[in-house]
Amino acid sequence: MSWLGAPKNGDARRSGVVTVLDVGSTKVCCMIARLKPQEESQLLRGRTHQVQVIGIGHQKSRGVKSGVVIDLDKAEQSVRLAVDAAERMAGLTVDSLIVNVAAGRLKSETFVASINLGGHEVEAGDIKRVLMAGAKQALKSEREVVHSLPTSFSLDGERGIRDPRGMVGAQLGVDMHVLTGDVAPLRNLELCVNRAHLSVERMVATPYASGLAALVDDELEMGAACIDMGGGTTTISVFADGKFAYADSIPVGGSHVTMDLARGLSTRLDNAERLKVMHGSALPGSGDDRDVVSVQPIGADDSEMPIQVPRSAMTRIIRARIDETLELIRDRLNKSGYGNAVGKRVVLTGGSSQLAGLPEAARRILGRNVRIGRPLGVAGLPEAAKGPAFSAPVGLLIYPQVASFESKQAKGSFVPRMTGTGGTFHRMSQWFRDSF
């Protein structure tokens, strides 16, 4: 499936170690994994390598709100602790990592570019030239290119060509999906990682990573939406014809449900979080007010009796926020122009997708089939990390296998200017390109 290069004699048996960092509003998670070449599997045909997690560390996120770093010192401390735990478990030291980004007003745009071939065969150099031409259109002040991906090629007006190498024509065209973000939040996230004496090899959009981890091949091909519901942000990605076609993000997540509960029930945030996890539901209640939960009032000491609150009152608070979030997602999907490509296939992932009754609420509001997506096809994950909350970091581990699809312009806009490293990822993507 790679655009760039077939296996070279005897070179394909290469392995490498990849480190990823998921800086979320609720948790910071670092994973270290060993990638080994594997034969093509029937279930996940796009995967060229087997991923074995050898180290994992996660910490409560501090200094991050709605995906944006708001306190550098606290965020840096969370990153240090998570990376340190993963390094100790893996028994090695890391110096650079792949980081995800959910904030910065992510914006998807489609660009069309073409170059003259003069009638000769399409070569790898021609593909690079046309991708560069497409990516250059997206460079605007105060915006940074996060991803720059070909969705399809055309040759002399014939559209829908997946791999034009070796074909003959006069003009090579490309349709590109370019995802950009605001510079400031991305720079501050990188600064936070740099202060922990680590360098950022690549930034990958959270919706792209979550989709890579949670969607199966048939969904990628037929078209599907992946909705990652995190603590502070909810991101949407659309995949069609095996390609990442659209992304969006809204600054609302599970922590907003917790805040609503804390306000509505006048209790502390940690009590509200426990009530949400233990008793919360997005399903309409039966209306039986005799079903009650105990709520410790804010400022009360341990000797005071908790207040008994009908569970239906709690459900009403949760449903209001969940319905609003899902309606925002529905509107964004409809406006994106990819509603038909998604069809009836929606996959919910992220920590907040575990709320009881959420798939049913999503089916009702989105009017589509909904399933909960967990990270697929990665070995060595502890039981606690096999749930939807860990889709984004697992997707970052899968990302290097598809990194060769990226235009050089997108890589260049981040790596040399921001980190000054040719680094491990540069070398790693090089051997992926050489080998596959």
Protein backbone atom coordinates (compact mmCIF):
# COMPACT_ATOMS: atom_id res chain seq x y z
CA MET A 1 0.00 0.00 0.00
CA SER A 2 2.97 2.33 0.30
CA TRP A 3 3.37 5.05 -2.33
CA LEU A 4 7.12 4.94 -2.08
CA GLY A 5 9.17 1.93 -3.02
CA ALA A 6 8.85 -1.83 -3.16
CA PRO A 7 10.80 -4.20 -0.89
CA LYS A 8 14.50 -4.20 -1.64
CA ASN A 9 16.42 -7.45 -1.81
CA GLY A 10 17.05 -8.76 1.66
CA ASP A 11 16.47 -5.38 3.35
CA ALA A 12 12.90 -5.92 4.49
CA ARG A 13 13.73 -7.72 7.73
CA ARG A 14 14.23 -4.62 9.86
CA SER A 15 13.06 -3.81 13.35
CA GLY A 16 13.01 -0.63 15.40
CA VAL A 17 11.87 0.89 18.69
CA VAL A 18 9.21 3.62 18.69
CA THR A 19 8.27 5.88 21.61
CA VAL A 20 4.98 7.78 21.67
CA LEU A 21 3.43 10.31 24.03
CA ASP A 22 -0.28 11.04 24.40
CA VAL A 23 -0.72 14.38 26.20
CA GLY A 24 -4.41 14.52 27.03
CA SER A 25 -6.55 16.69 29.29
CA THR A 26 -7.18 13.77 31.68
CA LYS A 27 -4.07 11.59 31.40
CA VAL A 28 -0.56 11.65 29.96
CA CYS A 29 0.49 8.27 28.56
CA CYS A 30 3.88 7.18 27.21
CA MET A 31 4.33 3.89 25.33
CA ILE A 32 7.54 2.30 24.07
CA ALA A 33 7.17 -0.50 21.50
CA ARG A 34 9.29 -2.72 19.32
CA LEU A 35 8.22 -2.94 15.66
CA LYS A 36 9.04 -6.11 13.74
CA PRO A 37 8.21 -6.82 10.08
CA GLN A 38 5.34 -9.27 9.61
CA GLU A 39 3.49 -11.06 6.84
CA GLU A 40 0.27 -9.40 5.68
CA SER A 41 -2.63 -10.31 7.95
CA GLN A 42 -6.17 -10.80 6.68
CA LEU A 43 -7.82 -8.59 9.30
CA LEU A 44 -5.49 -5.57 9.26
CA ARG A 45 -4.01 -5.62 5.78
CA GLY A 46 -2.43 -2.16 5.98
CA ARG A 47 -0.12 -3.16 8.84
CA THR A 48 3.42 -4.00 7.68
CA HIS A 49 4.85 -4.49 11.17
CA GLN A 50 3.99 -6.29 14.37
CA VAL A 51 3.86 -3.92 17.36
CA GLN A 52 4.99 -5.24 20.75
CA VAL A 53 4.63 -2.81 23.67
CA ILE A 54 7.65 -3.13 25.99
CA GLY A 55 7.05 -0.13 28.26
CA ILE A 56 4.07 1.93 29.36
CA GLY A 57 3.63 4.76 31.85
CA HIS A 58 0.62 6.94 32.50
CA GLN A 59 -0.05 9.84 34.84
CA LYS A 60 -2.91 12.13 35.76
CA SER A 61 -2.63 15.09 33.39
CA ARG A 62 -1.89 18.44 34.97
CA GLY A 63 -1.53 21.84 33.32
CA VAL A 64 -3.57 20.82 30.24
CA LYS A 65 -7.11 22.01 29.53
CA SER A 66 -9.13 21.10 26.43
CA GLY A 67 -5.94 19.76 24.84
CA VAL A 68 -4.05 23.06 25.32
CA VAL A 69 -1.06 23.47 27.68
CA ILE A 70 -2.05 26.14 30.23
CA ASP A 71 0.70 25.53 32.84
CA LEU A 72 4.12 24.54 31.44
CA ASP A 73 5.61 23.45 34.79
CA LYS A 74 2.75 21.12 35.73
CA ALA A 75 2.45 19.68 32.20
CA GLU A 76 6.22 19.09 32.03
CA GLN A 77 6.10 17.23 35.37
CA SER A 78 3.30 14.93 34.10
CA VAL A 79 5.29 14.22 30.91
CA ARG A 80 8.49 13.47 32.88
CA LEU A 81 6.71 11.03 35.22
CA ALA A 82 4.92 9.16 32.40
CA VAL A 83 8.08 8.87 30.24
CA ASP A 84 10.18 7.84 33.26
CA ALA A 85 7.76 5.00 34.16
CA ALA A 86 7.74 3.72 30.55
CA GLU A 87 11.56 3.88 30.35
CA ARG A 88 11.96 1.92 33.59
CA MET A 89 9.56 -0.79 32.39
CA ALA A 90 11.24 -1.04 28.96
CA GLY A 91 14.76 -0.87 30.42
CA LEU A 92 15.94 1.81 28.00
CA THR A 93 16.25 5.59 27.71
CA VAL A 94 14.44 7.58 25.04
CA ASP A 95 15.43 10.94 23.61
CA SER A 96 12.71 11.64 21.05
CA LEU A 97 9.08 10.68 20.58
CA ILE A 98 5.95 10.96 18.45
CA VAL A 99 3.36 13.22 20.13
CA ASN A 100 -0.35 13.62 19.44
CA VAL A 101 -2.18 16.93 19.09
CA ALA A 102 -5.91 17.51 19.60
CA ALA A 103 -6.04 21.30 20.01
CA GLY A 104 -5.10 24.27 17.84
CA ARG A 105 -8.40 24.53 15.94
CA LEU A 106 -7.57 21.67 13.61
CA LYS A 107 -8.84 22.38 10.11
CA SER A 108 -9.13 20.01 7.15
CA GLU A 109 -8.77 21.37 3.63
CA THR A 110 -8.63 19.71 0.23
CA PHE A 111 -6.15 20.89 -2.38
CA VAL A 112 -5.61 19.87 -5.99
CA ALA A 113 -2.18 20.13 -7.66
CA SER A 114 -0.69 18.91 -10.94
CA ILE A 115 2.67 18.76 -12.73
CA ASN A 116 3.67 18.12 -16.36
CA LEU A 117 5.28 14.76 -17.09
CA GLY A 118 6.10 15.26 -20.74
CA GLY A 119 4.86 11.79 -21.62
CA HIS A 120 7.38 9.79 -19.60
CA GLU A 121 6.67 7.14 -16.94
CA VAL A 122 5.71 8.33 -13.46
CA GLU A 123 8.63 7.94 -11.06
CA ALA A 124 8.95 8.37 -7.30
CA GLY A 125 10.48 11.83 -7.88
CA ASP A 126 7.39 12.94 -9.81
CA ILE A 127 5.15 11.86 -6.94
CA LYS A 128 7.27 13.84 -4.49
CA ARG A 129 7.08 16.94 -6.75
CA VAL A 130 3.29 16.85 -7.05
CA LEU A 131 2.87 16.28 -3.29
CA MET A 132 5.13 19.27 -2.59
CA ALA A 133 3.06 21.40 -4.98
CA GLY A 134 -0.13 20.44 -3.09
CA ALA A 135 1.33 20.99 0.39
CA LYS A 136 2.74 24.45 -0.45
CA GLN A 137 -0.79 25.77 -1.02
CA ALA A 138 -1.65 25.13 2.64
CA LEU A 139 1.14 27.16 4.23
CA LYS A 140 -0.42 30.21 5.85
CA SER A 141 0.85 32.54 8.57
CA GLU A 142 0.04 31.47 12.13
CA ARG A 143 -0.95 27.99 10.87
CA GLU A 144 1.20 24.87 10.85
CA VAL A 145 0.74 21.88 8.53
CA VAL A 146 0.17 18.80 10.72
CA HIS A 147 -0.62 16.31 7.93
CA SER A 148 -0.38 16.51 4.17
CA LEU A 149 -1.76 13.35 2.59
CA PRO A 150 -2.62 12.29 -0.97
CA THR A 151 -6.16 10.91 -1.19
CA SER A 152 -5.96 10.00 -4.90
CA PHE A 153 -3.96 10.67 -8.05
CA SER A 154 -5.09 11.48 -11.58
CA LEU A 155 -3.31 10.97 -14.89
CA ASP A 156 -4.39 13.08 -17.88
CA GLY A 157 -7.76 13.70 -16.24
CA GLU A 158 -8.40 10.04 -15.32
CA ARG A 159 -9.19 10.25 -11.60
CA GLY A 160 -9.11 7.74 -8.75
CA ILE A 161 -5.65 6.27 -9.44
CA ARG A 162 -4.14 4.84 -6.25
CA ASP A 163 -0.54 4.34 -7.32
CA PRO A 164 0.55 5.97 -10.61
CA ARG A 165 4.16 4.73 -10.59
CA GLY A 166 5.18 3.22 -13.92
CA MET A 167 2.15 4.65 -15.75
CA VAL A 168 2.63 6.96 -18.74
CA GLY A 169 0.95 10.34 -19.24
CA ALA A 170 1.37 14.04 -19.93
CA GLN A 171 0.02 15.43 -16.64
CA LEU A 172 0.05 13.97 -13.09
CA GLY A 173 -2.47 15.40 -10.63
CA VAL A 174 -3.12 14.78 -6.95
CA ASP A 175 -6.03 15.39 -4.57
CA MET A 176 -4.62 16.16 -1.13
CA HIS A 177 -6.05 16.31 2.36
CA VAL A 178 -4.10 18.89 4.35
CA LEU A 179 -4.72 19.26 8.10
CA THR A 180 -3.48 22.46 9.73
CA GLY A 181 -3.44 23.76 13.30
CA ASP A 182 -2.68 27.05 15.07
CA VAL A 183 1.05 27.52 15.65
CA ALA A 184 0.95 28.68 19.31
CA PRO A 185 -0.71 25.60 20.95
CA LEU A 186 1.53 23.26 18.93
CA ARG A 187 4.69 25.17 19.87
CA ASN A 188 3.72 25.23 23.56
CA LEU A 189 3.08 21.48 23.55
CA GLU A 190 6.49 20.94 22.00
CA LEU A 191 8.12 23.35 24.45
CA CYS A 192 6.65 21.32 27.32
CA VAL A 193 8.23 18.12 25.89
CA ASN A 194 11.57 19.89 25.23
CA ARG A 195 11.72 21.08 28.84
CA ALA A 196 11.66 17.42 29.88
CA HIS A 197 14.89 17.04 27.78
CA LEU A 198 13.06 15.18 24.99
CA SER A 199 12.60 16.10 21.35
CA VAL A 200 9.43 15.80 19.25
CA GLU A 201 10.05 13.66 16.17
CA ARG A 202 6.57 14.16 14.75
CA MET A 203 3.21 15.55 15.76
CA VAL A 204 0.22 13.45 14.75
CA ALA A 205 -3.40 14.60 15.00
CA THR A 206 -5.33 12.68 17.68
CA PRO A 207 -8.29 11.92 15.34
CA TYR A 208 -5.91 10.32 12.79
CA ALA A 209 -4.18 8.22 15.46
CA SER A 210 -7.45 7.05 17.05
CA GLY A 211 -8.85 6.03 13.66
CA LEU A 212 -5.69 4.03 12.82
CA ALA A 213 -6.04 2.11 16.10
CA ALA A 214 -9.80 1.55 16.31
CA LEU A 215 -11.02 1.02 12.71
CA VAL A 216 -10.80 -2.31 10.89
CA ASP A 217 -9.78 -2.51 7.22
CA ASP A 218 -13.31 -2.83 5.84
CA GLU A 219 -14.37 0.33 7.68
CA LEU A 220 -11.33 2.20 6.33
CA GLU A 221 -12.17 1.11 2.78
CA MET A 222 -15.97 1.55 2.79
CA GLY A 223 -15.80 4.79 4.78
CA ALA A 224 -16.35 5.38 8.50
CA ALA A 225 -16.15 8.08 11.14
CA CYS A 226 -14.11 7.65 14.31
CA ILE A 227 -15.19 9.84 17.23
CA ASP A 228 -12.63 10.06 20.04
CA MET A 229 -14.27 11.36 23.21
CA GLY A 230 -11.50 12.44 25.56
CA GLY A 231 -11.55 14.36 28.83
CA GLY A 232 -11.23 17.86 27.40
CA THR A 233 -11.75 17.45 23.64
CA THR A 234 -13.81 15.35 21.26
CA THR A 235 -12.22 14.75 17.86
CA ILE A 236 -13.76 13.42 14.65
CA SER A 237 -11.95 11.69 11.81
CA VAL A 238 -13.36 10.37 8.54
CA PHE A 239 -11.63 7.63 6.56
CA ALA A 240 -12.72 6.69 3.03
CA ASP A 241 -11.13 4.43 0.38
CA GLY A 242 -8.48 3.52 2.94
CA LYS A 243 -7.39 7.16 3.35
CA PHE A 244 -7.66 9.77 6.13
CA ALA A 245 -10.03 12.27 4.48
CA TYR A 246 -11.28 14.73 7.12
CA ALA A 247 -10.77 15.74 10.77
CA ASP A 248 -12.29 18.15 13.22
CA SER A 249 -12.20 18.80 16.95
CA ILE A 250 -14.52 20.37 19.52
CA PRO A 251 -13.28 21.53 22.95
CA VAL A 252 -15.87 19.49 24.90
CA GLY A 253 -15.29 16.15 26.62
CA GLY A 254 -15.93 13.97 29.65
CA SER A 255 -14.51 16.51 32.13
CA HIS A 256 -17.32 18.89 31.12
CA VAL A 257 -19.86 16.23 32.18
CA THR A 258 -18.03 15.94 35.54
CA MET A 259 -18.07 19.75 35.96
CA ASP A 260 -21.81 19.88 35.17
CA LEU A 261 -22.47 17.20 37.82
CA ALA A 262 -20.31 18.97 40.42
CA ARG A 263 -22.23 22.21 39.83
CA GLY A 264 -25.67 20.64 39.58
CA LEU A 265 -25.27 18.44 42.68
CA SER A 266 -23.07 20.96 44.56
CA THR A 267 -20.35 18.42 45.28
CA ARG A 268 -16.57 18.24 44.82
CA LEU A 269 -15.11 17.39 41.40
CA ASP A 270 -13.60 14.07 42.54
CA ASN A 271 -16.98 13.04 44.03
CA ALA A 272 -18.72 14.03 40.78
CA GLU A 273 -16.23 11.97 38.74
CA ARG A 274 -16.83 8.91 40.97
CA LEU A 275 -20.62 9.32 40.69
CA LYS A 276 -20.34 9.63 36.89
CA VAL A 277 -18.23 6.47 36.59
CA MET A 278 -20.19 4.37 39.11
CA HIS A 279 -23.77 5.50 38.52
CA GLY A 280 -23.77 7.75 35.44
CA SER A 281 -25.74 6.95 32.30
CA ALA A 282 -26.66 8.67 29.05
CA LEU A 283 -29.88 6.63 28.81
CA PRO A 284 -33.22 8.20 29.68
CA GLY A 285 -34.20 7.04 33.17
CA SER A 286 -37.31 5.06 33.99
CA GLY A 287 -38.56 8.08 35.93
CA ASP A 288 -38.45 6.16 39.22
CA ASP A 289 -37.33 8.79 41.76
CA ARG A 290 -36.97 6.12 44.48
CA ASP A 291 -33.62 5.06 42.91
CA VAL A 292 -31.23 7.38 44.78
CA VAL A 293 -27.47 8.00 45.05
CA SER A 294 -25.53 9.46 48.01
CA VAL A 295 -23.85 12.81 47.37
CA GLN A 296 -21.34 14.39 49.76
CA PRO A 297 -22.07 18.17 49.74
CA ILE A 298 -19.20 20.53 48.97
CA GLY A 299 -17.42 21.78 52.10
CA ALA A 300 -19.01 19.09 54.31
CA ASP A 301 -16.75 17.13 56.66
CA ASP A 302 -16.75 13.34 56.91
CA SER A 303 -19.05 13.28 59.95
CA GLU A 304 -21.95 14.88 58.07
CA MET A 305 -24.52 12.68 56.42
CA PRO A 306 -24.49 12.63 52.60
CA ILE A 307 -27.55 13.94 50.75
CA GLN A 308 -29.75 11.43 48.90
CA VAL A 309 -30.33 12.55 45.28
CA PRO A 310 -32.60 10.75 42.77
CA ARG A 311 -30.49 9.04 40.11
CA SER A 312 -32.86 10.47 37.46
CA ALA A 313 -31.69 14.01 38.41
CA MET A 314 -28.09 12.96 37.81
CA THR A 315 -29.00 11.33 34.49
CA ARG A 316 -30.74 14.53 33.31
CA ILE A 317 -27.55 16.55 33.91
CA ILE A 318 -25.40 14.00 32.06
CA ARG A 319 -27.81 13.63 29.14
CA ALA A 320 -28.01 17.38 28.54
CA ARG A 321 -24.23 17.63 28.00
CA ILE A 322 -23.91 14.34 26.06
CA ASP A 323 -26.79 15.24 23.72
CA GLU A 324 -25.28 18.69 23.09
CA THR A 325 -21.86 17.14 22.27
CA LEU A 326 -23.35 14.53 19.92
CA GLU A 327 -25.46 17.19 18.16
CA LEU A 328 -22.30 19.27 17.59
CA ILE A 329 -20.60 16.19 16.11
CA ARG A 330 -23.61 15.46 13.88
CA ASP A 331 -23.62 19.06 12.59
CA ARG A 332 -19.85 19.02 11.92
CA LEU A 333 -20.16 15.70 10.04
CA ASN A 334 -23.05 17.00 7.93
CA LYS A 335 -21.18 20.25 7.11
CA SER A 336 -17.97 18.38 6.24
CA GLY A 337 -19.42 17.00 3.01
CA TYR A 338 -18.32 13.49 4.04
CA GLY A 339 -21.68 12.38 5.48
CA ASN A 340 -22.29 10.03 2.52
CA ALA A 341 -18.75 8.60 2.68
CA VAL A 342 -19.30 7.69 6.34
CA GLY A 343 -22.59 5.96 5.54
CA LYS A 344 -23.92 4.20 8.63
CA ARG A 345 -20.53 3.39 10.18
CA VAL A 346 -19.46 5.27 13.33
CA VAL A 347 -16.89 4.07 15.87
CA LEU A 348 -16.76 5.69 19.32
CA THR A 349 -13.47 5.59 21.22
CA GLY A 350 -11.62 7.54 23.92
CA GLY A 351 -12.06 7.34 27.70
CA SER A 352 -15.41 9.16 27.78
CA SER A 353 -16.96 6.68 25.32
CA GLN A 354 -17.18 4.22 28.24
CA LEU A 355 -20.11 6.06 29.84
CA ALA A 356 -23.08 3.70 30.16
CA GLY A 357 -25.68 4.20 27.43
CA LEU A 358 -23.47 6.37 25.22
CA PRO A 359 -23.65 4.11 22.09
CA GLU A 360 -27.46 4.18 22.32
CA ALA A 361 -27.49 7.99 22.66
CA ALA A 362 -25.10 8.27 19.68
CA ARG A 363 -27.32 5.98 17.54
CA ARG A 364 -30.36 8.12 18.36
CA ILE A 365 -28.72 11.50 17.62
CA LEU A 366 -26.35 10.58 14.77
CA GLY A 367 -28.87 8.24 13.10
CA ARG A 368 -26.11 5.70 12.34
CA ASN A 369 -24.81 2.36 13.55
CA VAL A 370 -22.39 2.86 16.43
CA ARG A 371 -19.86 0.55 18.04
CA ILE A 372 -17.22 1.10 20.72
CA GLY A 373 -13.71 0.88 19.25
CA ARG A 374 -10.76 -0.53 21.15
CA PRO A 375 -7.11 -0.49 20.04
CA LEU A 376 -6.54 -3.36 17.59
CA GLY A 377 -3.57 -5.47 16.59
CA VAL A 378 -0.99 -4.45 19.22
CA ALA A 379 0.65 -7.02 21.51
CA GLY A 380 1.97 -6.51 25.04
CA LEU A 381 -0.68 -4.06 26.29
CA PRO A 382 -1.56 -4.54 29.97
CA GLU A 383 -5.22 -5.34 30.62
CA ALA A 384 -5.87 -1.79 31.88
CA ALA A 385 -4.65 -0.31 28.57
CA LYS A 386 -6.79 -2.44 26.23
CA GLY A 387 -9.84 -0.16 26.49
CA PRO A 388 -10.96 2.73 24.27
CA ALA A 389 -9.12 5.27 26.48
CA PHE A 390 -5.81 4.08 24.96
CA SER A 391 -6.75 4.24 21.26
CA ALA A 392 -4.78 7.47 20.60
CA PRO A 393 -1.38 6.28 21.97
CA VAL A 394 -1.76 2.90 20.22
CA GLY A 395 -2.59 4.74 16.97
CA LEU A 396 0.66 6.71 17.37
CA LEU A 397 2.52 3.35 17.47
CA ILE A 398 0.81 2.29 14.21
CA TYR A 399 1.46 5.67 12.53
CA PRO A 400 5.10 4.99 11.41
CA GLN A 401 3.79 2.16 9.21
CA VAL A 402 1.77 4.67 7.16
CA ALA A 403 4.14 7.65 7.53
CA SER A 404 5.57 7.17 4.05
CA PHE A 405 2.20 8.35 2.67
CA GLU A 406 2.95 11.83 4.01
CA SER A 407 4.27 14.57 1.77
CA LYS A 408 7.80 15.70 2.64
CA GLN A 409 6.43 19.23 3.08
CA ALA A 410 4.42 18.20 6.14
CA LYS A 411 7.42 16.53 7.74
CA GLY A 412 9.66 19.45 6.90
CA SER A 413 7.31 22.01 8.36
CA PHE A 414 7.70 20.41 11.77
CA VAL A 415 10.93 18.54 12.23
CA PRO A 416 13.87 20.74 11.20
CA ARG A 417 12.31 24.08 12.14
CA MET A 418 10.94 23.04 15.49
CA THR A 419 13.27 20.38 16.87
CA GLY A 420 16.43 20.66 14.84
CA THR A 421 16.84 16.87 14.87
CA GLY A 422 17.14 14.42 12.04
CA GLY A 423 16.43 12.03 14.88
CA THR A 424 15.27 8.48 15.31
CA PHE A 425 11.96 8.97 13.52
CA HIS A 426 13.69 10.38 10.45
CA ARG A 427 15.96 7.33 10.36
CA MET A 428 13.04 5.02 11.10
CA SER A 429 10.81 6.46 8.37
CA GLN A 430 13.80 6.16 6.05
CA TRP A 431 14.09 2.41 6.67
CA PHE A 432 10.32 2.03 6.28
CA ARG A 433 10.64 3.75 2.89
CA ASP A 434 13.69 1.71 1.91
CA SER A 435 12.14 -1.56 2.98
CA PHE A 436 8.57 -1.33 1.76
